[in-house]
Full PDB file with SEQRES, HELIX, SHEET, SSBOND, CRYST1, ORIGX, SCALE, CONECT and MASTER records, all heavy atoms in Angstrom:
SEQRES   1 A   35  LEU LYS GLU ALA ILE GLN SER LEU HIS ASP ALA PRO GLY          
SEQRES   2 A   35  LEU ASP VAL LEU VAL SER GLY PRO VAL PRO PRO PHE PRO          
SEQRES   3 A   35  THR GLU MET LEU SER SER GLN PRO MET                          
HELIX    1 AA1 PRO A   26  LEU A   30  1                                   5    
SHEET    1 AA1 2 GLN A   6  SER A   7  0                                        
SHEET    2 AA1 2 ASP A  15  VAL A  16 -1                                        
CRYST1    1.000    1.000    1.000  90.00  90.00  90.00 P 1           1          
ORIGX1      1.000000  0.000000  0.000000        0.00000                         
ORIGX2      0.000000  1.000000  0.000000        0.00000                         
ORIGX3      0.000000  0.000000  1.000000        0.00000                         
SCALE1      1.000000  0.000000  0.000000        0.00000                         
SCALE2      0.000000  1.000000  0.000000        0.00000                         
SCALE3      0.000000  0.000000  1.000000        0.00000                         
ATOM      1  N   LEU A   1       0.827  -1.195   0.000  1.00  0.00           N  
ATOM      2  CA  LEU A   1       0.000   0.000   0.000  1.00  0.00           C  
ATOM      3  C   LEU A   1       0.865   1.250   0.000  1.00  0.00           C  
ATOM      4  O   LEU A   1       0.577   2.210  -0.715  1.00  0.00           O  
ATOM      5  CB  LEU A   1      -0.921  -0.008   1.228  1.00  0.00           C  
ATOM      6  CG  LEU A   1      -1.823   1.213   1.403  1.00  0.00           C  
ATOM      7  CD1 LEU A   1      -2.758   1.351   0.206  1.00  0.00           C  
ATOM      8  CD2 LEU A   1      -2.623   1.102   2.702  1.00  0.00           C  
ATOM      9  N   LYS A   2       1.951   1.217   0.750  1.00  0.00           N  
ATOM     10  CA  LYS A   2       2.813   2.387   0.825  1.00  0.00           C  
ATOM     11  C   LYS A   2       3.475   2.660  -0.515  1.00  0.00           C  
ATOM     12  O   LYS A   2       3.649   3.809  -0.921  1.00  0.00           O  
ATOM     13  CB  LYS A   2       3.866   2.171   1.915  1.00  0.00           C  
ATOM     14  CG  LYS A   2       4.738   3.389   2.181  1.00  0.00           C  
ATOM     15  CD  LYS A   2       5.693   3.121   3.332  1.00  0.00           C  
ATOM     16  CE  LYS A   2       6.558   4.342   3.623  1.00  0.00           C  
ATOM     17  NZ  LYS A   2       7.490   4.114   4.747  1.00  0.00           N  
ATOM     18  N   GLU A   3       3.828   1.582  -1.227  1.00  0.00           N  
ATOM     19  CA  GLU A   3       4.469   1.753  -2.531  1.00  0.00           C  
ATOM     20  C   GLU A   3       3.470   2.235  -3.590  1.00  0.00           C  
ATOM     21  O   GLU A   3       3.869   2.958  -4.520  1.00  0.00           O  
ATOM     22  CB  GLU A   3       5.079   0.425  -2.978  1.00  0.00           C  
ATOM     23  CG  GLU A   3       6.229  -0.048  -2.090  1.00  0.00           C  
ATOM     24  CD  GLU A   3       6.686  -1.445  -2.458  1.00  0.00           C  
ATOM     25  OE1 GLU A   3       5.959  -2.118  -3.251  1.00  0.00           O  
ATOM     26  OE2 GLU A   3       7.738  -1.883  -1.954  1.00  0.00           O  
ATOM     27  N   ALA A   4       2.207   1.882  -3.457  1.00  0.00           N  
ATOM     28  CA  ALA A   4       1.221   2.237  -4.486  1.00  0.00           C  
ATOM     29  C   ALA A   4       0.644   3.626  -4.288  1.00  0.00           C  
ATOM     30  O   ALA A   4       0.124   4.221  -5.247  1.00  0.00           O  
ATOM     31  CB  ALA A   4       0.078   1.218  -4.497  1.00  0.00           C  
ATOM     32  N   ILE A   5       0.721   4.170  -3.105  1.00  0.00           N  
ATOM     33  CA  ILE A   5       0.127   5.479  -2.844  1.00  0.00           C  
ATOM     34  C   ILE A   5       0.984   6.563  -3.481  1.00  0.00           C  
ATOM     35  O   ILE A   5       2.216   6.548  -3.395  1.00  0.00           O  
ATOM     36  CB  ILE A   5      -0.017   5.713  -1.341  1.00  0.00           C  
ATOM     37  CG1 ILE A   5      -1.125   4.804  -0.775  1.00  0.00           C  
ATOM     38  CG2 ILE A   5      -0.347   7.171  -1.039  1.00  0.00           C  
ATOM     39  CD1 ILE A   5      -1.273   4.901   0.715  1.00  0.00           C  
ATOM     40  N   GLN A   6       0.290   7.554  -4.110  1.00  0.00           N  
ATOM     41  CA  GLN A   6       0.951   8.698  -4.720  1.00  0.00           C  
ATOM     42  C   GLN A   6       0.423   9.969  -4.055  1.00  0.00           C  
ATOM     43  O   GLN A   6      -0.749  10.060  -3.701  1.00  0.00           O  
ATOM     44  CB  GLN A   6       0.680   8.758  -6.227  1.00  0.00           C  
ATOM     45  CG  GLN A   6       1.105   7.486  -6.968  1.00  0.00           C  
ATOM     46  CD  GLN A   6       0.816   7.568  -8.448  1.00  0.00           C  
ATOM     47  OE1 GLN A   6       1.225   8.529  -9.104  1.00  0.00           O  
ATOM     48  NE2 GLN A   6       0.119   6.566  -8.970  1.00  0.00           N  
ATOM     49  N   SER A   7       1.274  10.934  -3.888  1.00  0.00           N  
ATOM     50  CA  SER A   7       0.914  12.191  -3.234  1.00  0.00           C  
ATOM     51  C   SER A   7       0.787  13.296  -4.271  1.00  0.00           C  
ATOM     52  O   SER A   7       1.391  13.244  -5.357  1.00  0.00           O  
ATOM     53  CB  SER A   7       1.970  12.582  -2.185  1.00  0.00           C  
ATOM     54  OG  SER A   7       2.069  11.580  -1.194  1.00  0.00           O  
ATOM     55  N   LEU A   8       0.000  14.303  -3.911  1.00  0.00           N  
ATOM     56  CA  LEU A   8      -0.189  15.475  -4.763  1.00  0.00           C  
ATOM     57  C   LEU A   8       0.529  16.654  -4.128  1.00  0.00           C  
ATOM     58  O   LEU A   8       0.271  17.013  -2.968  1.00  0.00           O  
ATOM     59  CB  LEU A   8      -1.681  15.792  -4.924  1.00  0.00           C  
ATOM     60  CG  LEU A   8      -2.532  14.770  -5.705  1.00  0.00           C  
ATOM     61  CD1 LEU A   8      -3.994  15.207  -5.724  1.00  0.00           C  
ATOM     62  CD2 LEU A   8      -2.012  14.624  -7.127  1.00  0.00           C  
ATOM     63  N   HIS A   9       1.429  17.254  -4.891  1.00  0.00           N  
ATOM     64  CA  HIS A   9       2.180  18.403  -4.370  1.00  0.00           C  
ATOM     65  C   HIS A   9       1.258  19.598  -4.150  1.00  0.00           C  
ATOM     66  O   HIS A   9       1.465  20.379  -3.207  1.00  0.00           O  
ATOM     67  CB  HIS A   9       3.306  18.770  -5.348  1.00  0.00           C  
ATOM     68  CG  HIS A   9       4.048  20.011  -4.966  1.00  0.00           C  
ATOM     69  ND1 HIS A   9       4.919  20.074  -3.877  1.00  0.00           N  
ATOM     70  CD2 HIS A   9       4.032  21.283  -5.503  1.00  0.00           C  
ATOM     71  CE1 HIS A   9       5.400  21.296  -3.764  1.00  0.00           C  
ATOM     72  NE2 HIS A   9       4.880  22.055  -4.755  1.00  0.00           N  
ATOM     73  N   ASP A  10       0.243  19.737  -5.015  1.00  0.00           N  
ATOM     74  CA  ASP A  10      -0.655  20.895  -4.910  1.00  0.00           C  
ATOM     75  C   ASP A  10      -1.718  20.722  -3.831  1.00  0.00           C  
ATOM     76  O   ASP A  10      -2.419  21.694  -3.518  1.00  0.00           O  
ATOM     77  CB  ASP A  10      -1.366  21.118  -6.246  1.00  0.00           C  
ATOM     78  CG  ASP A  10      -0.375  21.482  -7.350  1.00  0.00           C  
ATOM     79  OD1 ASP A  10       0.615  22.172  -7.047  1.00  0.00           O  
ATOM     80  OD2 ASP A  10      -0.606  21.068  -8.507  1.00  0.00           O  
ATOM     81  N   ALA A  11      -1.854  19.525  -3.277  1.00  0.00           N  
ATOM     82  CA  ALA A  11      -2.864  19.283  -2.247  1.00  0.00           C  
ATOM     83  C   ALA A  11      -2.226  18.540  -1.092  1.00  0.00           C  
ATOM     84  O   ALA A  11      -2.284  17.302  -1.022  1.00  0.00           O  
ATOM     85  CB  ALA A  11      -4.033  18.491  -2.817  1.00  0.00           C  
ATOM     86  N   PRO A  12      -1.580  19.250  -0.166  1.00  0.00           N  
ATOM     87  CA  PRO A  12      -0.957  18.592   0.976  1.00  0.00           C  
ATOM     88  C   PRO A  12      -2.006  17.852   1.810  1.00  0.00           C  
ATOM     89  O   PRO A  12      -3.133  18.327   2.000  1.00  0.00           O  
ATOM     90  CB  PRO A  12      -0.348  19.755   1.760  1.00  0.00           C  
ATOM     91  CG  PRO A  12      -0.233  20.883   0.782  1.00  0.00           C  
ATOM     92  CD  PRO A  12      -1.341  20.711  -0.179  1.00  0.00           C  
ATOM     93  N   GLY A  13      -1.648  16.703   2.321  1.00  0.00           N  
ATOM     94  CA  GLY A  13      -2.525  15.895   3.155  1.00  0.00           C  
ATOM     95  C   GLY A  13      -3.411  14.959   2.354  1.00  0.00           C  
ATOM     96  O   GLY A  13      -4.127  14.137   2.943  1.00  0.00           O  
ATOM     97  N   LEU A  14      -3.394  15.047   1.024  1.00  0.00           N  
ATOM     98  CA  LEU A  14      -4.230  14.202   0.184  1.00  0.00           C  
ATOM     99  C   LEU A  14      -3.348  13.200  -0.553  1.00  0.00           C  
ATOM    100  O   LEU A  14      -2.449  13.595  -1.319  1.00  0.00           O  
ATOM    101  CB  LEU A  14      -5.024  15.040  -0.824  1.00  0.00           C  
ATOM    102  CG  LEU A  14      -5.867  14.256  -1.826  1.00  0.00           C  
ATOM    103  CD1 LEU A  14      -6.922  13.412  -1.108  1.00  0.00           C  
ATOM    104  CD2 LEU A  14      -6.528  15.200  -2.836  1.00  0.00           C  
ATOM    105  N   ASP A  15      -3.547  11.919  -0.313  1.00  0.00           N  
ATOM    106  CA  ASP A  15      -2.876  10.846  -1.029  1.00  0.00           C  
ATOM    107  C   ASP A  15      -3.880  10.156  -1.938  1.00  0.00           C  
ATOM    108  O   ASP A  15      -5.086  10.088  -1.642  1.00  0.00           O  
ATOM    109  CB  ASP A  15      -2.270   9.829  -0.056  1.00  0.00           C  
ATOM    110  CG  ASP A  15      -1.148  10.452   0.784  1.00  0.00           C  
ATOM    111  OD1 ASP A  15      -0.575  11.464   0.332  1.00  0.00           O  
ATOM    112  OD2 ASP A  15      -0.917   9.952   1.893  1.00  0.00           O  
ATOM    113  N   VAL A  16      -3.332   9.593  -3.037  1.00  0.00           N  
ATOM    114  CA  VAL A  16      -4.201   8.988  -4.051  1.00  0.00           C  
ATOM    115  C   VAL A  16      -3.723   7.572  -4.310  1.00  0.00           C  
ATOM    116  O   VAL A  16      -2.517   7.339  -4.507  1.00  0.00           O  
ATOM    117  CB  VAL A  16      -4.203   9.799  -5.358  1.00  0.00           C  
ATOM    118  CG1 VAL A  16      -5.120   9.139  -6.386  1.00  0.00           C  
ATOM    119  CG2 VAL A  16      -4.612  11.237  -5.103  1.00  0.00           C  
ATOM    120  N   LEU A  17      -4.695   6.627  -4.324  1.00  0.00           N  
ATOM    121  CA  LEU A  17      -4.415   5.247  -4.715  1.00  0.00           C  
ATOM    122  C   LEU A  17      -5.206   4.997  -5.995  1.00  0.00           C  
ATOM    123  O   LEU A  17      -6.428   4.818  -5.970  1.00  0.00           O  
ATOM    124  CB  LEU A  17      -4.853   4.267  -3.622  1.00  0.00           C  
ATOM    125  CG  LEU A  17      -4.654   2.780  -3.937  1.00  0.00           C  
ATOM    126  CD1 LEU A  17      -3.160   2.454  -4.161  1.00  0.00           C  
ATOM    127  CD2 LEU A  17      -5.225   1.904  -2.816  1.00  0.00           C  
ATOM    128  N   VAL A  18      -4.445   5.051  -7.110  1.00  0.00           N  
ATOM    129  CA  VAL A  18      -5.111   4.867  -8.406  1.00  0.00           C  
ATOM    130  C   VAL A  18      -5.515   3.405  -8.566  1.00  0.00           C  
ATOM    131  O   VAL A  18      -5.152   2.536  -7.755  1.00  0.00           O  
ATOM    132  CB  VAL A  18      -4.210   5.335  -9.555  1.00  0.00           C  
ATOM    133  CG1 VAL A  18      -3.870   6.823  -9.402  1.00  0.00           C  
ATOM    134  CG2 VAL A  18      -2.921   4.518  -9.590  1.00  0.00           C  
ATOM    135  N   SER A  19      -6.265   3.112  -9.648  1.00  0.00           N  
ATOM    136  CA  SER A  19      -6.798   1.758  -9.817  1.00  0.00           C  
ATOM    137  C   SER A  19      -5.732   0.760 -10.218  1.00  0.00           C  
ATOM    138  O   SER A  19      -5.813  -0.427  -9.882  1.00  0.00           O  
ATOM    139  CB  SER A  19      -7.905   1.767 -10.878  1.00  0.00           C  
ATOM    140  OG  SER A  19      -7.370   2.162 -12.139  1.00  0.00           O  
ATOM    141  N   GLY A  20      -4.727   1.206 -10.959  1.00  0.00           N  
ATOM    142  CA  GLY A  20      -3.713   0.276 -11.430  1.00  0.00           C  
ATOM    143  C   GLY A  20      -4.160  -0.445 -12.691  1.00  0.00           C  
ATOM    144  O   GLY A  20      -5.153  -0.055 -13.345  1.00  0.00           O  
ATOM    145  N   PRO A  21      -3.468  -1.491 -13.050  1.00  0.00           N  
ATOM    146  CA  PRO A  21      -3.845  -2.232 -14.259  1.00  0.00           C  
ATOM    147  C   PRO A  21      -5.268  -2.795 -14.132  1.00  0.00           C  
ATOM    148  O   PRO A  21      -5.698  -3.211 -13.065  1.00  0.00           O  
ATOM    149  CB  PRO A  21      -2.804  -3.355 -14.327  1.00  0.00           C  
ATOM    150  CG  PRO A  21      -1.643  -2.860 -13.534  1.00  0.00           C  
ATOM    151  CD  PRO A  21      -2.224  -2.020 -12.438  1.00  0.00           C  
ATOM    152  N   VAL A  22      -5.984  -2.803 -15.251  1.00  0.00           N  
ATOM    153  CA  VAL A  22      -7.371  -3.286 -15.254  1.00  0.00           C  
ATOM    154  C   VAL A  22      -7.367  -4.805 -15.123  1.00  0.00           C  
ATOM    155  O   VAL A  22      -6.784  -5.501 -15.955  1.00  0.00           O  
ATOM    156  CB  VAL A  22      -8.097  -2.858 -16.538  1.00  0.00           C  
ATOM    157  CG1 VAL A  22      -9.517  -3.414 -16.556  1.00  0.00           C  
ATOM    158  CG2 VAL A  22      -8.096  -1.333 -16.663  1.00  0.00           C  
ATOM    159  N   PRO A  23      -8.025  -5.366 -14.095  1.00  0.00           N  
ATOM    160  CA  PRO A  23      -8.018  -6.812 -13.857  1.00  0.00           C  
ATOM    161  C   PRO A  23      -9.124  -7.499 -14.674  1.00  0.00           C  
ATOM    162  O   PRO A  23     -10.081  -6.865 -15.127  1.00  0.00           O  
ATOM    163  CB  PRO A  23      -8.304  -6.926 -12.372  1.00  0.00           C  
ATOM    164  CG  PRO A  23      -9.164  -5.736 -12.083  1.00  0.00           C  
ATOM    165  CD  PRO A  23      -8.694  -4.636 -12.988  1.00  0.00           C  
ATOM    166  N   PRO A  24      -9.059  -8.813 -14.826  1.00  0.00           N  
ATOM    167  CA  PRO A  24     -10.114  -9.523 -15.575  1.00  0.00           C  
ATOM    168  C   PRO A  24     -11.397  -9.712 -14.752  1.00  0.00           C  
ATOM    169  O   PRO A  24     -12.474  -9.806 -15.322  1.00  0.00           O  
ATOM    170  CB  PRO A  24      -9.471 -10.865 -15.903  1.00  0.00           C  
ATOM    171  CG  PRO A  24      -8.431 -11.063 -14.851  1.00  0.00           C  
ATOM    172  CD  PRO A  24      -7.915  -9.697 -14.504  1.00  0.00           C  
ATOM    173  N   PHE A  25     -11.252  -9.772 -13.416  1.00  0.00           N  
ATOM    174  CA  PHE A  25     -12.425 -10.005 -12.560  1.00  0.00           C  
ATOM    175  C   PHE A  25     -12.461  -8.948 -11.460  1.00  0.00           C  
ATOM    176  O   PHE A  25     -12.052  -9.205 -10.317  1.00  0.00           O  
ATOM    177  CB  PHE A  25     -12.382 -11.401 -11.943  1.00  0.00           C  
ATOM    178  CG  PHE A  25     -12.239 -12.499 -12.965  1.00  0.00           C  
ATOM    179  CD1 PHE A  25     -11.025 -13.164 -13.136  1.00  0.00           C  
ATOM    180  CD2 PHE A  25     -13.331 -12.850 -13.756  1.00  0.00           C  
ATOM    181  CE1 PHE A  25     -10.904 -14.158 -14.075  1.00  0.00           C  
ATOM    182  CE2 PHE A  25     -13.202 -13.855 -14.699  1.00  0.00           C  
ATOM    183  CZ  PHE A  25     -11.998 -14.517 -14.879  1.00  0.00           C  
ATOM    184  N   PRO A  26     -12.974  -7.757 -11.762  1.00  0.00           N  
ATOM    185  CA  PRO A  26     -12.936  -6.674 -10.763  1.00  0.00           C  
ATOM    186  C   PRO A  26     -13.793  -6.968  -9.539  1.00  0.00           C  
ATOM    187  O   PRO A  26     -13.380  -6.668  -8.411  1.00  0.00           O  
ATOM    188  CB  PRO A  26     -13.474  -5.473 -11.541  1.00  0.00           C  
ATOM    189  CG  PRO A  26     -13.293  -5.819 -12.973  1.00  0.00           C  
ATOM    190  CD  PRO A  26     -13.456  -7.297 -13.073  1.00  0.00           C  
ATOM    191  N   THR A  27     -14.952  -7.547  -9.718  1.00  0.00           N  
ATOM    192  CA  THR A  27     -15.860  -7.752  -8.583  1.00  0.00           C  
ATOM    193  C   THR A  27     -15.254  -8.702  -7.566  1.00  0.00           C  
ATOM    194  O   THR A  27     -15.304  -8.463  -6.348  1.00  0.00           O  
ATOM    195  CB  THR A  27     -17.203  -8.292  -9.085  1.00  0.00           C  
ATOM    196  OG1 THR A  27     -17.738  -7.407 -10.073  1.00  0.00           O  
ATOM    197  CG2 THR A  27     -18.191  -8.435  -7.951  1.00  0.00           C  
ATOM    198  N   GLU A  28     -14.699  -9.807  -8.060  1.00  0.00           N  
ATOM    199  CA  GLU A  28     -14.085 -10.776  -7.160  1.00  0.00           C  
ATOM    200  C   GLU A  28     -12.901 -10.174  -6.416  1.00  0.00           C  
ATOM    201  O   GLU A  28     -12.668 -10.464  -5.228  1.00  0.00           O  
ATOM    202  CB  GLU A  28     -13.634 -12.001  -7.941  1.00  0.00           C  
ATOM    203  CG  GLU A  28     -14.759 -12.899  -8.423  1.00  0.00           C  
ATOM    204  CD  GLU A  28     -15.478 -12.305  -9.628  1.00  0.00           C  
ATOM    205  OE1 GLU A  28     -15.015 -11.264 -10.126  1.00  0.00           O  
ATOM    206  OE2 GLU A  28     -16.509 -12.874 -10.054  1.00  0.00           O  
ATOM    207  N   MET A  29     -12.189  -9.287  -7.098  1.00  0.00           N  
ATOM    208  CA  MET A  29     -11.019  -8.685  -6.457  1.00  0.00           C  
ATOM    209  C   MET A  29     -11.444  -7.701  -5.368  1.00  0.00           C  
ATOM    210  O   MET A  29     -10.827  -7.654  -4.289  1.00  0.00           O  
ATOM    211  CB  MET A  29     -10.168  -7.980  -7.529  1.00  0.00           C  
ATOM    212  CG  MET A  29      -8.858  -7.416  -7.008  1.00  0.00           C  
ATOM    213  SD  MET A  29      -7.775  -6.869  -8.344  1.00  0.00           S  
ATOM    214  CE  MET A  29      -7.312  -8.438  -9.063  1.00  0.00           C  
ATOM    215  N   LEU A  30     -12.501  -6.944  -5.611  1.00  0.00           N  
ATOM    216  CA  LEU A  30     -12.950  -5.980  -4.619  1.00  0.00           C  
ATOM    217  C   LEU A  30     -13.603  -6.650  -3.415  1.00  0.00           C  
ATOM    218  O   LEU A  30     -13.633  -6.077  -2.324  1.00  0.00           O  
ATOM    219  CB  LEU A  30     -13.940  -4.996  -5.257  1.00  0.00           C  
ATOM    220  CG  LEU A  30     -13.356  -4.043  -6.307  1.00  0.00           C  
ATOM    221  CD1 LEU A  30     -14.451  -3.211  -6.952  1.00  0.00           C  
ATOM    222  CD2 LEU A  30     -12.299  -3.126  -5.683  1.00  0.00           C  
ATOM    223  N   SER A  31     -14.141  -7.834  -3.603  1.00  0.00           N  
ATOM    224  CA  SER A  31     -14.769  -8.546  -2.488  1.00  0.00           C  
ATOM    225  C   SER A  31     -13.826  -9.535  -1.814  1.00  0.00           C  
ATOM    226  O   SER A  31     -14.254 -10.309  -0.956  1.00  0.00           O  
ATOM    227  CB  SER A  31     -16.004  -9.303  -3.007  1.00  0.00           C  
ATOM    228  OG  SER A  31     -15.626 -10.245  -4.014  1.00  0.00           O  
ATOM    229  N   SER A  32     -12.534  -9.493  -2.154  1.00  0.00           N  
ATOM    230  CA  SER A  32     -11.562 -10.453  -1.600  1.00  0.00           C  
ATOM    231  C   SER A  32     -11.083 -10.015  -0.219  1.00  0.00           C  
ATOM    232  O   SER A  32     -11.322  -8.879   0.209  1.00  0.00           O  
ATOM    233  CB  SER A  32     -10.373 -10.585  -2.550  1.00  0.00           C  
ATOM    234  OG  SER A  32      -9.713  -9.339  -2.675  1.00  0.00           O  
ATOM    235  N   GLN A  33     -10.371 -10.908   0.421  1.00  0.00           N  
ATOM    236  CA  GLN A  33      -9.817 -10.628   1.754  1.00  0.00           C  
ATOM    237  C   GLN A  33      -8.719  -9.581   1.707  1.00  0.00           C  
ATOM    238  O   GLN A  33      -8.633  -8.729   2.604  1.00  0.00           O  
ATOM    239  CB  GLN A  33      -9.276 -11.931   2.370  1.00  0.00           C  
ATOM    240  CG  GLN A  33      -8.859 -11.801   3.826  1.00  0.00           C  
ATOM    241  CD  GLN A  33     -10.050 -11.514   4.735  1.00  0.00           C  
ATOM    242  OE1 GLN A  33     -11.171 -11.864   4.410  1.00  0.00           O  
ATOM    243  NE2 GLN A  33      -9.795 -10.866   5.868  1.00  0.00           N  
ATOM    244  N   PRO A  34      -7.871  -9.574   0.659  1.00  0.00           N  
ATOM    245  CA  PRO A  34      -6.856  -8.508   0.593  1.00  0.00           C  
ATOM    246  C   PRO A  34      -7.468  -7.117   0.571  1.00  0.00           C  
ATOM    247  O   PRO A  34      -6.874  -6.177   1.104  1.00  0.00           O  
ATOM    248  CB  PRO A  34      -6.113  -8.827  -0.702  1.00  0.00           C  
ATOM    249  CG  PRO A  34      -6.255 -10.292  -0.862  1.00  0.00           C  
ATOM    250  CD  PRO A  34      -7.619 -10.612  -0.352  1.00  0.00           C  
ATOM    251  N   MET A  35      -8.642  -6.966  -0.021  1.00  0.00           N  
ATOM    252  CA  MET A  35      -9.276  -5.642  -0.056  1.00  0.00           C  
ATOM    253  C   MET A  35      -9.685  -5.221   1.348  1.00  0.00           C  
ATOM    254  O   MET A  35      -9.532  -4.053   1.728  1.00  0.00           O  
ATOM    255  CB  MET A  35     -10.506  -5.675  -0.977  1.00  0.00           C  
ATOM    256  CG  MET A  35     -11.214  -4.345  -1.106  1.00  0.00           C  
ATOM    257  SD  MET A  35     -10.154  -3.106  -1.908  1.00  0.00           S  
ATOM    258  CE  MET A  35     -11.183  -1.645  -1.768  1.00  0.00           C  
TER     259      MET A  35                                                      
MASTER        0    0    0    1    2    0    0    6  258    1    0    3          
END                                                                             
């Protein structure tokens, strides 16, 4: 999580976790234990 988070220089205190590569099964991934 720390490696995937990106910060915005223009907005201090706001970090962004983008979606990343598009997976084949998004629903299963969002309902998984890692999530």
